[in-house]
Amino acid sequence: LTAVPKYLYEAASIDRASEWFRFRTITLP
């Protein structure tokens, strides 16, 4: 989890992605 690039979450925040979408498409994979 700490190795996941932060810019992916920043891009998701700009696109106003939900918390579940971030977890399902970024964190878990």
mmCIF file of all heavy atoms, coordinates in Angstrom:
data_MODEL
# 
_entry.id   MODEL 
# 
loop_
_atom_site.group_PDB 
_atom_site.id 
_atom_site.type_symbol 
_atom_site.label_atom_id 
_atom_site.label_alt_id 
_atom_site.label_comp_id 
_atom_site.label_asym_id 
_atom_site.label_entity_id 
_atom_site.label_seq_id 
_atom_site.pdbx_PDB_ins_code 
_atom_site.Cartn_x 
_atom_site.Cartn_y 
_atom_site.Cartn_z 
_atom_site.occupancy 
_atom_site.B_iso_or_equiv 
_atom_site.pdbx_formal_charge 
_atom_site.auth_seq_id 
_atom_site.auth_comp_id 
_atom_site.auth_asym_id 
_atom_site.auth_atom_id 
_atom_site.pdbx_PDB_model_num 
ATOM 1   N N   . LEU A 1 1  ? 0.822   -1.212 0.000   1.00 0.00 ? 1  LEU A N   1 
ATOM 2   C CA  . LEU A 1 1  ? 0.000   0.000  0.000   1.00 0.00 ? 1  LEU A CA  1 
ATOM 3   C C   . LEU A 1 1  ? 0.858   1.264  0.000   1.00 0.00 ? 1  LEU A C   1 
ATOM 4   O O   . LEU A 1 1  ? 0.516   2.250  -0.669  1.00 0.00 ? 1  LEU A O   1 
ATOM 5   C CB  . LEU A 1 1  ? -0.923  -0.002 1.217   1.00 0.00 ? 1  LEU A CB  1 
ATOM 6   C CG  . LEU A 1 1  ? -2.078  -1.004 1.181   1.00 0.00 ? 1  LEU A CG  1 
ATOM 7   C CD1 . LEU A 1 1  ? -2.757  -1.086 2.538   1.00 0.00 ? 1  LEU A CD1 1 
ATOM 8   C CD2 . LEU A 1 1  ? -3.090  -0.626 0.109   1.00 0.00 ? 1  LEU A CD2 1 
ATOM 9   N N   . THR A 1 2  ? 1.950   1.251  0.743   1.00 0.00 ? 2  THR A N   1 
ATOM 10  C CA  . THR A 1 2  ? 2.815   2.432  0.774   1.00 0.00 ? 2  THR A CA  1 
ATOM 11  C C   . THR A 1 2  ? 3.600   2.604  -0.520  1.00 0.00 ? 2  THR A C   1 
ATOM 12  O O   . THR A 1 2  ? 4.128   3.696  -0.775  1.00 0.00 ? 2  THR A O   1 
ATOM 13  C CB  . THR A 1 2  ? 3.795   2.336  1.947   1.00 0.00 ? 2  THR A CB  1 
ATOM 14  O OG1 . THR A 1 2  ? 4.512   1.089  1.874   1.00 0.00 ? 2  THR A OG1 1 
ATOM 15  C CG2 . THR A 1 2  ? 3.055   2.392  3.269   1.00 0.00 ? 2  THR A CG2 1 
ATOM 16  N N   . ALA A 1 3  ? 3.687   1.542  -1.337  1.00 0.00 ? 3  ALA A N   1 
ATOM 17  C CA  . ALA A 1 3  ? 4.425   1.632  -2.600  1.00 0.00 ? 3  ALA A CA  1 
ATOM 18  C C   . ALA A 1 3  ? 3.558   2.079  -3.770  1.00 0.00 ? 3  ALA A C   1 
ATOM 19  O O   . ALA A 1 3  ? 4.074   2.296  -4.869  1.00 0.00 ? 3  ALA A O   1 
ATOM 20  C CB  . ALA A 1 3  ? 5.060   0.285  -2.933  1.00 0.00 ? 3  ALA A CB  1 
ATOM 21  N N   . VAL A 1 4  ? 2.258   2.232  -3.558  1.00 0.00 ? 4  VAL A N   1 
ATOM 22  C CA  . VAL A 1 4  ? 1.372   2.688  -4.634  1.00 0.00 ? 4  VAL A CA  1 
ATOM 23  C C   . VAL A 1 4  ? 1.687   4.150  -4.944  1.00 0.00 ? 4  VAL A C   1 
ATOM 24  O O   . VAL A 1 4  ? 1.732   4.984  -4.026  1.00 0.00 ? 4  VAL A O   1 
ATOM 25  C CB  . VAL A 1 4  ? -0.104  2.537  -4.225  1.00 0.00 ? 4  VAL A CB  1 
ATOM 26  C CG1 . VAL A 1 4  ? -1.023  3.097  -5.309  1.00 0.00 ? 4  VAL A CG1 1 
ATOM 27  C CG2 . VAL A 1 4  ? -0.428  1.069  -3.969  1.00 0.00 ? 4  VAL A CG2 1 
ATOM 28  N N   . PRO A 1 5  ? 1.938   4.508  -6.198  1.00 0.00 ? 5  PRO A N   1 
ATOM 29  C CA  . PRO A 1 5  ? 2.274   5.901  -6.538  1.00 0.00 ? 5  PRO A CA  1 
ATOM 30  C C   . PRO A 1 5  ? 1.172   6.872  -6.137  1.00 0.00 ? 5  PRO A C   1 
ATOM 31  O O   . PRO A 1 5  ? -0.017  6.623  -6.396  1.00 0.00 ? 5  PRO A O   1 
ATOM 32  C CB  . PRO A 1 5  ? 2.454   5.855  -8.066  1.00 0.00 ? 5  PRO A CB  1 
ATOM 33  C CG  . PRO A 1 5  ? 2.759   4.430  -8.381  1.00 0.00 ? 5  PRO A CG  1 
ATOM 34  C CD  . PRO A 1 5  ? 1.996   3.614  -7.370  1.00 0.00 ? 5  PRO A CD  1 
ATOM 35  N N   . LYS A 1 6  ? 1.564   7.976  -5.534  1.00 0.00 ? 6  LYS A N   1 
ATOM 36  C CA  . LYS A 1 6  ? 0.597   8.958  -5.058  1.00 0.00 ? 6  LYS A CA  1 
ATOM 37  C C   . LYS A 1 6  ? -0.099  9.691  -6.207  1.00 0.00 ? 6  LYS A C   1 
ATOM 38  O O   . LYS A 1 6  ? -1.235  10.141 -6.066  1.00 0.00 ? 6  LYS A O   1 
ATOM 39  C CB  . LYS A 1 6  ? 1.301   9.965  -4.141  1.00 0.00 ? 6  LYS A CB  1 
ATOM 40  C CG  . LYS A 1 6  ? 1.942   9.345  -2.903  1.00 0.00 ? 6  LYS A CG  1 
ATOM 41  C CD  . LYS A 1 6  ? 0.925   8.688  -2.010  1.00 0.00 ? 6  LYS A CD  1 
ATOM 42  C CE  . LYS A 1 6  ? 1.583   8.106  -0.764  1.00 0.00 ? 6  LYS A CE  1 
ATOM 43  N NZ  . LYS A 1 6  ? 0.618   7.395  0.101   1.00 0.00 ? 6  LYS A NZ  1 
ATOM 44  N N   . TYR A 1 7  ? 0.606   9.792  -7.340  1.00 0.00 ? 7  TYR A N   1 
ATOM 45  C CA  . TYR A 1 7  ? 0.006   10.565 -8.434  1.00 0.00 ? 7  TYR A CA  1 
ATOM 46  C C   . TYR A 1 7  ? -1.241  9.893  -8.983  1.00 0.00 ? 7  TYR A C   1 
ATOM 47  O O   . TYR A 1 7  ? -2.103  10.550 -9.592  1.00 0.00 ? 7  TYR A O   1 
ATOM 48  C CB  . TYR A 1 7  ? 1.027   10.795 -9.546  1.00 0.00 ? 7  TYR A CB  1 
ATOM 49  C CG  . TYR A 1 7  ? 1.464   9.563  -10.297 1.00 0.00 ? 7  TYR A CG  1 
ATOM 50  C CD1 . TYR A 1 7  ? 0.726   9.064  -11.367 1.00 0.00 ? 7  TYR A CD1 1 
ATOM 51  C CD2 . TYR A 1 7  ? 2.628   8.896  -9.932  1.00 0.00 ? 7  TYR A CD2 1 
ATOM 52  C CE1 . TYR A 1 7  ? 1.131   7.934  -12.060 1.00 0.00 ? 7  TYR A CE1 1 
ATOM 53  C CE2 . TYR A 1 7  ? 3.043   7.766  -10.613 1.00 0.00 ? 7  TYR A CE2 1 
ATOM 54  C CZ  . TYR A 1 7  ? 2.290   7.292  -11.673 1.00 0.00 ? 7  TYR A CZ  1 
ATOM 55  O OH  . TYR A 1 7  ? 2.689   6.169  -12.353 1.00 0.00 ? 7  TYR A OH  1 
ATOM 56  N N   . LEU A 1 8  ? -1.371  8.569  -8.804  1.00 0.00 ? 8  LEU A N   1 
ATOM 57  C CA  . LEU A 1 8  ? -2.588  7.899  -9.255  1.00 0.00 ? 8  LEU A CA  1 
ATOM 58  C C   . LEU A 1 8  ? -3.799  8.365  -8.449  1.00 0.00 ? 8  LEU A C   1 
ATOM 59  O O   . LEU A 1 8  ? -4.876  8.612  -9.003  1.00 0.00 ? 8  LEU A O   1 
ATOM 60  C CB  . LEU A 1 8  ? -2.417  6.385  -9.133  1.00 0.00 ? 8  LEU A CB  1 
ATOM 61  C CG  . LEU A 1 8  ? -1.334  5.752  -10.012 1.00 0.00 ? 8  LEU A CG  1 
ATOM 62  C CD1 . LEU A 1 8  ? -1.228  4.263  -9.726  1.00 0.00 ? 8  LEU A CD1 1 
ATOM 63  C CD2 . LEU A 1 8  ? -1.648  5.979  -11.485 1.00 0.00 ? 8  LEU A CD2 1 
ATOM 64  N N   . TYR A 1 9  ? -3.621  8.499  -7.129  1.00 0.00 ? 9  TYR A N   1 
ATOM 65  C CA  . TYR A 1 9  ? -4.713  8.992  -6.301  1.00 0.00 ? 9  TYR A CA  1 
ATOM 66  C C   . TYR A 1 9  ? -4.992  10.472 -6.594  1.00 0.00 ? 9  TYR A C   1 
ATOM 67  O O   . TYR A 1 9  ? -6.158  10.909 -6.546  1.00 0.00 ? 9  TYR A O   1 
ATOM 68  C CB  . TYR A 1 9  ? -4.369  8.811  -4.819  1.00 0.00 ? 9  TYR A CB  1 
ATOM 69  C CG  . TYR A 1 9  ? -4.273  7.377  -4.388  1.00 0.00 ? 9  TYR A CG  1 
ATOM 70  C CD1 . TYR A 1 9  ? -3.071  6.837  -3.977  1.00 0.00 ? 9  TYR A CD1 1 
ATOM 71  C CD2 . TYR A 1 9  ? -5.398  6.563  -4.384  1.00 0.00 ? 9  TYR A CD2 1 
ATOM 72  C CE1 . TYR A 1 9  ? -2.970  5.513  -3.576  1.00 0.00 ? 9  TYR A CE1 1 
ATOM 73  C CE2 . TYR A 1 9  ? -5.313  5.238  -3.974  1.00 0.00 ? 9  TYR A CE2 1 
ATOM 74  C CZ  . TYR A 1 9  ? -4.098  4.719  -3.580  1.00 0.00 ? 9  TYR A CZ  1 
ATOM 75  O OH  . TYR A 1 9  ? -4.018  3.412  -3.186  1.00 0.00 ? 9  TYR A OH  1 
ATOM 76  N N   . GLU A 1 10 ? -3.944  11.222 -6.886  1.00 0.00 ? 10 GLU A N   1 
ATOM 77  C CA  . GLU A 1 10 ? -4.157  12.631 -7.210  1.00 0.00 ? 10 GLU A CA  1 
ATOM 78  C C   . GLU A 1 10 ? -4.938  12.793 -8.504  1.00 0.00 ? 10 GLU A C   1 
ATOM 79  O O   . GLU A 1 10 ? -5.831  13.650 -8.610  1.00 0.00 ? 10 GLU A O   1 
ATOM 80  C CB  . GLU A 1 10 ? -2.803  13.340 -7.312  1.00 0.00 ? 10 GLU A CB  1 
ATOM 81  C CG  . GLU A 1 10 ? -2.042  13.405 -6.001  1.00 0.00 ? 10 GLU A CG  1 
ATOM 82  C CD  . GLU A 1 10 ? -0.640  13.955 -6.174  1.00 0.00 ? 10 GLU A CD  1 
ATOM 83  O OE1 . GLU A 1 10 ? -0.268  14.236 -7.343  1.00 0.00 ? 10 GLU A OE1 1 
ATOM 84  O OE2 . GLU A 1 10 ? 0.080   14.112 -5.162  1.00 0.00 ? 10 GLU A OE2 1 
ATOM 85  N N   . ALA A 1 11 ? -4.617  11.946 -9.491  1.00 0.00 ? 11 ALA A N   1 
ATOM 86  C CA  . ALA A 1 11 ? -5.368  11.994 -10.746 1.00 0.00 ? 11 ALA A CA  1 
ATOM 87  C C   . ALA A 1 11 ? -6.819  11.589 -10.530 1.00 0.00 ? 11 ALA A C   1 
ATOM 88  O O   . ALA A 1 11 ? -7.741  12.176 -11.118 1.00 0.00 ? 11 ALA A O   1 
ATOM 89  C CB  . ALA A 1 11 ? -4.708  11.075 -11.782 1.00 0.00 ? 11 ALA A CB  1 
ATOM 90  N N   . ALA A 1 12 ? -7.037  10.588 -9.673  1.00 0.00 ? 12 ALA A N   1 
ATOM 91  C CA  . ALA A 1 12 ? -8.413  10.172 -9.378  1.00 0.00 ? 12 ALA A CA  1 
ATOM 92  C C   . ALA A 1 12 ? -9.175  11.268 -8.640  1.00 0.00 ? 12 ALA A C   1 
ATOM 93  O O   . ALA A 1 12 ? -10.379 11.458 -8.858  1.00 0.00 ? 12 ALA A O   1 
ATOM 94  C CB  . ALA A 1 12 ? -8.389  8.885  -8.555  1.00 0.00 ? 12 ALA A CB  1 
ATOM 95  N N   . SER A 1 13 ? -8.474  11.998 -7.759  1.00 0.00 ? 13 SER A N   1 
ATOM 96  C CA  . SER A 1 13 ? -9.141  13.100 -7.047  1.00 0.00 ? 13 SER A CA  1 
ATOM 97  C C   . SER A 1 13 ? -9.536  14.223 -8.005  1.00 0.00 ? 13 SER A C   1 
ATOM 98  O O   . SER A 1 13 ? -10.605 14.832 -7.859  1.00 0.00 ? 13 SER A O   1 
ATOM 99  C CB  . SER A 1 13 ? -8.210  13.648 -5.957  1.00 0.00 ? 13 SER A CB  1 
ATOM 100 O OG  . SER A 1 13 ? -7.888  12.646 -5.032  1.00 0.00 ? 13 SER A OG  1 
ATOM 101 N N   . ILE A 1 14 ? -8.663  14.494 -8.989  1.00 0.00 ? 14 ILE A N   1 
ATOM 102 C CA  . ILE A 1 14 ? -8.998  15.523 -9.978  1.00 0.00 ? 14 ILE A CA  1 
ATOM 103 C C   . ILE A 1 14 ? -10.233 15.126 -10.773 1.00 0.00 ? 14 ILE A C   1 
ATOM 104 O O   . ILE A 1 14 ? -11.097 15.961 -11.076 1.00 0.00 ? 14 ILE A O   1 
ATOM 105 C CB  . ILE A 1 14 ? -7.794  15.760 -10.906 1.00 0.00 ? 14 ILE A CB  1 
ATOM 106 C CG1 . ILE A 1 14 ? -6.629  16.372 -10.106 1.00 0.00 ? 14 ILE A CG1 1 
ATOM 107 C CG2 . ILE A 1 14 ? -8.178  16.673 -12.070 1.00 0.00 ? 14 ILE A CG2 1 
ATOM 108 C CD1 . ILE A 1 14 ? -5.360  16.512 -10.899 1.00 0.00 ? 14 ILE A CD1 1 
ATOM 109 N N   . ASP A 1 15 ? -10.347 13.837 -11.089 1.00 0.00 ? 15 ASP A N   1 
ATOM 110 C CA  . ASP A 1 15 ? -11.514 13.335 -11.818 1.00 0.00 ? 15 ASP A CA  1 
ATOM 111 C C   . ASP A 1 15 ? -12.712 13.106 -10.921 1.00 0.00 ? 15 ASP A C   1 
ATOM 112 O O   . ASP A 1 15 ? -13.740 12.608 -11.392 1.00 0.00 ? 15 ASP A O   1 
ATOM 113 C CB  . ASP A 1 15 ? -11.162 12.017 -12.525 1.00 0.00 ? 15 ASP A CB  1 
ATOM 114 C CG  . ASP A 1 15 ? -10.135 12.223 -13.620 1.00 0.00 ? 15 ASP A CG  1 
ATOM 115 O OD1 . ASP A 1 15 ? -10.040 13.362 -14.124 1.00 0.00 ? 15 ASP A OD1 1 
ATOM 116 O OD2 . ASP A 1 15 ? -9.426  11.251 -13.966 1.00 0.00 ? 15 ASP A OD2 1 
ATOM 117 N N   . ARG A 1 16 ? -12.581 13.443 -9.620  1.00 0.00 ? 16 ARG A N   1 
ATOM 118 C CA  . ARG A 1 16 ? -13.656 13.299 -8.646  1.00 0.00 ? 16 ARG A CA  1 
ATOM 119 C C   . ARG A 1 16 ? -14.146 11.858 -8.553  1.00 0.00 ? 16 ARG A C   1 
ATOM 120 O O   . ARG A 1 16 ? -15.341 11.583 -8.491  1.00 0.00 ? 16 ARG A O   1 
ATOM 121 C CB  . ARG A 1 16 ? -14.822 14.232 -8.991  1.00 0.00 ? 16 ARG A CB  1 
ATOM 122 C CG  . ARG A 1 16 ? -14.466 15.711 -8.923  1.00 0.00 ? 16 ARG A CG  1 
ATOM 123 C CD  . ARG A 1 16 ? -15.672 16.585 -9.193  1.00 0.00 ? 16 ARG A CD  1 
ATOM 124 N NE  . ARG A 1 16 ? -15.320 17.996 -9.090  1.00 0.00 ? 16 ARG A NE  1 
ATOM 125 C CZ  . ARG A 1 16 ? -16.197 18.990 -9.266  1.00 0.00 ? 16 ARG A CZ  1 
ATOM 126 N NH1 . ARG A 1 16 ? -17.466 18.690 -9.559  1.00 0.00 ? 16 ARG A NH1 1 
ATOM 127 N NH2 . ARG A 1 16 ? -15.808 20.252 -9.166  1.00 0.00 ? 16 ARG A NH2 1 
ATOM 128 N N   . ALA A 1 17 ? -13.209 10.949 -8.541  1.00 0.00 ? 17 ALA A N   1 
ATOM 129 C CA  . ALA A 1 17 ? -13.551 9.535  -8.389  1.00 0.00 ? 17 ALA A CA  1 
ATOM 130 C C   . ALA A 1 17 ? -13.910 9.243  -6.941  1.00 0.00 ? 17 ALA A C   1 
ATOM 131 O O   . ALA A 1 17 ? -13.352 9.825  -6.009  1.00 0.00 ? 17 ALA A O   1 
ATOM 132 C CB  . ALA A 1 17 ? -12.384 8.650  -8.824  1.00 0.00 ? 17 ALA A CB  1 
ATOM 133 N N   . SER A 1 18 ? -14.827 8.327  -6.737  1.00 0.00 ? 18 SER A N   1 
ATOM 134 C CA  . SER A 1 18 ? -15.258 7.983  -5.387  1.00 0.00 ? 18 SER A CA  1 
ATOM 135 C C   . SER A 1 18 ? -14.191 7.138  -4.691  1.00 0.00 ? 18 SER A C   1 
ATOM 136 O O   . SER A 1 18 ? -13.265 6.614  -5.316  1.00 0.00 ? 18 SER A O   1 
ATOM 137 C CB  . SER A 1 18 ? -16.573 7.196  -5.443  1.00 0.00 ? 18 SER A CB  1 
ATOM 138 O OG  . SER A 1 18 ? -16.399 5.969  -6.129  1.00 0.00 ? 18 SER A OG  1 
ATOM 139 N N   . GLU A 1 19 ? -14.341 7.023  -3.372  1.00 0.00 ? 19 GLU A N   1 
ATOM 140 C CA  . GLU A 1 19 ? -13.384 6.226  -2.588  1.00 0.00 ? 19 GLU A CA  1 
ATOM 141 C C   . GLU A 1 19 ? -13.412 4.770  -3.019  1.00 0.00 ? 19 GLU A C   1 
ATOM 142 O O   . GLU A 1 19 ? -12.369 4.117  -3.093  1.00 0.00 ? 19 GLU A O   1 
ATOM 143 C CB  . GLU A 1 19 ? -13.716 6.341  -1.098  1.00 0.00 ? 19 GLU A CB  1 
ATOM 144 C CG  . GLU A 1 19 ? -12.657 5.777  -0.175  1.00 0.00 ? 19 GLU A CG  1 
ATOM 145 C CD  . GLU A 1 19 ? -11.391 6.600  -0.177  1.00 0.00 ? 19 GLU A CD  1 
ATOM 146 O OE1 . GLU A 1 19 ? -11.460 7.812  -0.449  1.00 0.00 ? 19 GLU A OE1 1 
ATOM 147 O OE2 . GLU A 1 19 ? -10.319 6.007  0.082   1.00 0.00 ? 19 GLU A OE2 1 
ATOM 148 N N   . TRP A 1 20 ? -14.580 4.215  -3.270  1.00 0.00 ? 20 TRP A N   1 
ATOM 149 C CA  . TRP A 1 20 ? -14.702 2.824  -3.704  1.00 0.00 ? 20 TRP A CA  1 
ATOM 150 C C   . TRP A 1 20 ? -14.060 2.626  -5.083  1.00 0.00 ? 20 TRP A C   1 
ATOM 151 O O   . TRP A 1 20 ? -13.426 1.601  -5.328  1.00 0.00 ? 20 TRP A O   1 
ATOM 152 C CB  . TRP A 1 20 ? -16.164 2.412  -3.723  1.00 0.00 ? 20 TRP A CB  1 
ATOM 153 C CG  . TRP A 1 20 ? -16.417 1.107  -4.407  1.00 0.00 ? 20 TRP A CG  1 
ATOM 154 C CD1 . TRP A 1 20 ? -17.102 0.898  -5.561  1.00 0.00 ? 20 TRP A CD1 1 
ATOM 155 C CD2 . TRP A 1 20 ? -15.959 -0.184 -3.975  1.00 0.00 ? 20 TRP A CD2 1 
ATOM 156 N NE1 . TRP A 1 20 ? -17.114 -0.441 -5.879  1.00 0.00 ? 20 TRP A NE1 1 
ATOM 157 C CE2 . TRP A 1 20 ? -16.419 -1.135 -4.926  1.00 0.00 ? 20 TRP A CE2 1 
ATOM 158 C CE3 . TRP A 1 20 ? -15.212 -0.640 -2.887  1.00 0.00 ? 20 TRP A CE3 1 
ATOM 159 C CZ2 . TRP A 1 20 ? -16.151 -2.490 -4.811  1.00 0.00 ? 20 TRP A CZ2 1 
ATOM 160 C CZ3 . TRP A 1 20 ? -14.953 -1.985 -2.772  1.00 0.00 ? 20 TRP A CZ3 1 
ATOM 161 C CH2 . TRP A 1 20 ? -15.406 -2.891 -3.724  1.00 0.00 ? 20 TRP A CH2 1 
ATOM 162 N N   . PHE A 1 21 ? -14.218 3.610  -5.961  1.00 0.00 ? 21 PHE A N   1 
ATOM 163 C CA  . PHE A 1 21 ? -13.604 3.493  -7.288  1.00 0.00 ? 21 PHE A CA  1 
ATOM 164 C C   . PHE A 1 21 ? -12.082 3.493  -7.178  1.00 0.00 ? 21 PHE A C   1 
ATOM 165 O O   . PHE A 1 21 ? -11.406 2.731  -7.875  1.00 0.00 ? 21 PHE A O   1 
ATOM 166 C CB  . PHE A 1 21 ? -14.080 4.656  -8.168  1.00 0.00 ? 21 PHE A CB  1 
ATOM 167 C CG  . PHE A 1 21 ? -13.535 4.608  -9.568  1.00 0.00 ? 21 PHE A CG  1 
ATOM 168 C CD1 . PHE A 1 21 ? -14.151 3.825  -10.543 1.00 0.00 ? 21 PHE A CD1 1 
ATOM 169 C CD2 . PHE A 1 21 ? -12.397 5.334  -9.914  1.00 0.00 ? 21 PHE A CD2 1 
ATOM 170 C CE1 . PHE A 1 21 ? -13.644 3.773  -11.827 1.00 0.00 ? 21 PHE A CE1 1 
ATOM 171 C CE2 . PHE A 1 21 ? -11.891 5.288  -11.207 1.00 0.00 ? 21 PHE A CE2 1 
ATOM 172 C CZ  . PHE A 1 21 ? -12.522 4.498  -12.160 1.00 0.00 ? 21 PHE A CZ  1 
ATOM 173 N N   . ARG A 1 22 ? -11.531 4.336  -6.304  1.00 0.00 ? 22 ARG A N   1 
ATOM 174 C CA  . ARG A 1 22 ? -10.076 4.346  -6.116  1.00 0.00 ? 22 ARG A CA  1 
ATOM 175 C C   . ARG A 1 22 ? -9.577  3.004  -5.578  1.00 0.00 ? 22 ARG A C   1 
ATOM 176 O O   . ARG A 1 22 ? -8.554  2.483  -6.020  1.00 0.00 ? 22 ARG A O   1 
ATOM 177 C CB  . ARG A 1 22 ? -9.682  5.448  -5.133  1.00 0.00 ? 22 ARG A CB  1 
ATOM 178 C CG  . ARG A 1 22 ? -10.032 6.853  -5.589  1.00 0.00 ? 22 ARG A CG  1 
ATOM 179 C CD  . ARG A 1 22 ? -9.602  7.843  -4.515  1.00 0.00 ? 22 ARG A CD  1 
ATOM 180 N NE  . ARG A 1 22 ? -10.218 9.150  -4.733  1.00 0.00 ? 22 ARG A NE  1 
ATOM 181 C CZ  . ARG A 1 22 ? -10.074 10.178 -3.922  1.00 0.00 ? 22 ARG A CZ  1 
ATOM 182 N NH1 . ARG A 1 22 ? -9.333  10.052 -2.829  1.00 0.00 ? 22 ARG A NH1 1 
ATOM 183 N NH2 . ARG A 1 22 ? -10.658 11.332 -4.170  1.00 0.00 ? 22 ARG A NH2 1 
ATOM 184 N N   . PHE A 1 23 ? -10.325 2.465  -4.607  1.00 0.00 ? 23 PHE A N   1 
ATOM 185 C CA  . PHE A 1 23 ? -9.915  1.189  -4.020  1.00 0.00 ? 23 PHE A CA  1 
ATOM 186 C C   . PHE A 1 23 ? -9.997  0.064  -5.039  1.00 0.00 ? 23 PHE A C   1 
ATOM 187 O O   . PHE A 1 23 ? -9.095  -0.778 -5.128  1.00 0.00 ? 23 PHE A O   1 
ATOM 188 C CB  . PHE A 1 23 ? -10.806 0.881  -2.814  1.00 0.00 ? 23 PHE A CB  1 
ATOM 189 C CG  . PHE A 1 23 ? -10.530 -0.455 -2.181  1.00 0.00 ? 23 PHE A CG  1 
ATOM 190 C CD1 . PHE A 1 23 ? -9.474  -0.609 -1.299  1.00 0.00 ? 23 PHE A CD1 1 
ATOM 191 C CD2 . PHE A 1 23 ? -11.331 -1.552 -2.469  1.00 0.00 ? 23 PHE A CD2 1 
ATOM 192 C CE1 . PHE A 1 23 ? -9.211  -1.843 -0.722  1.00 0.00 ? 23 PHE A CE1 1 
ATOM 193 C CE2 . PHE A 1 23 ? -11.075 -2.784 -1.898  1.00 0.00 ? 23 PHE A CE2 1 
ATOM 194 C CZ  . PHE A 1 23 ? -10.014 -2.932 -1.014  1.00 0.00 ? 23 PHE A CZ  1 
ATOM 195 N N   . ARG A 1 24 ? -11.060 0.065  -5.837  1.00 0.00 ? 24 ARG A N   1 
ATOM 196 C CA  . ARG A 1 24 ? -11.290 -1.046 -6.770  1.00 0.00 ? 24 ARG A CA  1 
ATOM 197 C C   . ARG A 1 24 ? -10.384 -0.985 -7.987  1.00 0.00 ? 24 ARG A C   1 
ATOM 198 O O   . ARG A 1 24 ? -9.975  -2.025 -8.519  1.00 0.00 ? 24 ARG A O   1 
ATOM 199 C CB  . ARG A 1 24 ? -12.763 -1.042 -7.204  1.00 0.00 ? 24 ARG A CB  1 
ATOM 200 C CG  . ARG A 1 24 ? -13.156 -2.171 -8.134  1.00 0.00 ? 24 ARG A CG  1 
ATOM 201 C CD  . ARG A 1 24 ? -14.670 -2.185 -8.312  1.00 0.00 ? 24 ARG A CD  1 
ATOM 202 N NE  . ARG A 1 24 ? -15.174 -0.906 -8.760  1.00 0.00 ? 24 ARG A NE  1 
ATOM 203 C CZ  . ARG A 1 24 ? -15.258 -0.544 -10.042 1.00 0.00 ? 24 ARG A CZ  1 
ATOM 204 N NH1 . ARG A 1 24 ? -14.842 -1.359 -10.993 1.00 0.00 ? 24 ARG A NH1 1 
ATOM 205 N NH2 . ARG A 1 24 ? -15.744 0.636  -10.366 1.00 0.00 ? 24 ARG A NH2 1 
ATOM 206 N N   . THR A 1 25 ? -10.029 0.190  -8.442  1.00 0.00 ? 25 THR A N   1 
ATOM 207 C CA  . THR A 1 25 ? -9.263  0.312  -9.687  1.00 0.00 ? 25 THR A CA  1 
ATOM 208 C C   . THR A 1 25 ? -7.793  0.658  -9.489  1.00 0.00 ? 25 THR A C   1 
ATOM 209 O O   . THR A 1 25 ? -6.999  0.478  -10.406 1.00 0.00 ? 25 THR A O   1 
ATOM 210 C CB  . THR A 1 25 ? -9.903  1.393  -10.584 1.00 0.00 ? 25 THR A CB  1 
ATOM 211 O OG1 . THR A 1 25 ? -9.911  2.646  -9.890  1.00 0.00 ? 25 THR A OG1 1 
ATOM 212 C CG2 . THR A 1 25 ? -11.314 1.004  -10.969 1.00 0.00 ? 25 THR A CG2 1 
ATOM 213 N N   . ILE A 1 26 ? -7.430  1.155  -8.313  1.00 0.00 ? 26 ILE A N   1 
ATOM 214 C CA  . ILE A 1 26 ? -6.033  1.544  -8.076  1.00 0.00 ? 26 ILE A CA  1 
ATOM 215 C C   . ILE A 1 26 ? -5.403  0.688  -6.982  1.00 0.00 ? 26 ILE A C   1 
ATOM 216 O O   . ILE A 1 26 ? -4.400  0.000  -7.214  1.00 0.00 ? 26 ILE A O   1 
ATOM 217 C CB  . ILE A 1 26 ? -5.940  3.039  -7.707  1.00 0.00 ? 26 ILE A CB  1 
ATOM 218 C CG1 . ILE A 1 26 ? -6.474  3.910  -8.842  1.00 0.00 ? 26 ILE A CG1 1 
ATOM 219 C CG2 . ILE A 1 26 ? -4.488  3.410  -7.388  1.00 0.00 ? 26 ILE A CG2 1 
ATOM 220 C CD1 . ILE A 1 26 ? -6.505  5.387  -8.515  1.00 0.00 ? 26 ILE A CD1 1 
ATOM 221 N N   . THR A 1 27 ? -5.987  0.733  -5.787  1.00 0.00 ? 27 THR A N   1 
ATOM 222 C CA  . THR A 1 27 ? -5.357  0.096  -4.632  1.00 0.00 ? 27 THR A CA  1 
ATOM 223 C C   . THR A 1 27 ? -5.298  -1.419 -4.770  1.00 0.00 ? 27 THR A C   1 
ATOM 224 O O   . THR A 1 27 ? -4.222  -2.024 -4.702  1.00 0.00 ? 27 THR A O   1 
ATOM 225 C CB  . THR A 1 27 ? -6.107  0.470  -3.350  1.00 0.00 ? 27 THR A CB  1 
ATOM 226 O OG1 . THR A 1 27 ? -6.177  1.896  -3.238  1.00 0.00 ? 27 THR A OG1 1 
ATOM 227 C CG2 . THR A 1 27 ? -5.405  -0.105 -2.138  1.00 0.00 ? 27 THR A CG2 1 
ATOM 228 N N   . LEU A 1 28 ? -6.460  -2.034 -4.954  1.00 0.00 ? 28 LEU A N   1 
ATOM 229 C CA  . LEU A 1 28 ? -6.510  -3.498 -4.959  1.00 0.00 ? 28 LEU A CA  1 
ATOM 230 C C   . LEU A 1 28 ? -5.727  -4.130 -6.107  1.00 0.00 ? 28 LEU A C   1 
ATOM 231 O O   . LEU A 1 28 ? -4.983  -5.097 -5.884  1.00 0.00 ? 28 LEU A O   1 
ATOM 232 C CB  . LEU A 1 28 ? -7.973  -3.960 -4.990  1.00 0.00 ? 28 LEU A CB  1 
ATOM 233 C CG  . LEU A 1 28 ? -8.212  -5.445 -4.734  1.00 0.00 ? 28 LEU A CG  1 
ATOM 234 C CD1 . LEU A 1 28 ? -7.648  -5.849 -3.374  1.00 0.00 ? 28 LEU A CD1 1 
ATOM 235 C CD2 . LEU A 1 28 ? -9.704  -5.767 -4.794  1.00 0.00 ? 28 LEU A CD2 1 
ATOM 236 N N   . PRO A 1 29 ? -5.821  -3.646 -7.354  1.00 0.00 ? 29 PRO A N   1 
ATOM 237 C CA  . PRO A 1 29 ? -5.032  -4.278 -8.420  1.00 0.00 ? 29 PRO A CA  1 
ATOM 238 C C   . PRO A 1 29 ? -3.523  -4.195 -8.217  1.00 0.00 ? 29 PRO A C   1 
ATOM 239 O O   . PRO A 1 29 ? -2.798  -5.111 -8.588  1.00 0.00 ? 29 PRO A O   1 
ATOM 240 C CB  . PRO A 1 29 ? -5.459  -3.502 -9.675  1.00 0.00 ? 29 PRO A CB  1 
ATOM 241 C CG  . PRO A 1 29 ? -6.793  -2.953 -9.355  1.00 0.00 ? 29 PRO A CG  1 
ATOM 242 C CD  . PRO A 1 29 ? -6.747  -2.627 -7.902  1.00 0.00 ? 29 PRO A CD  1 
# 
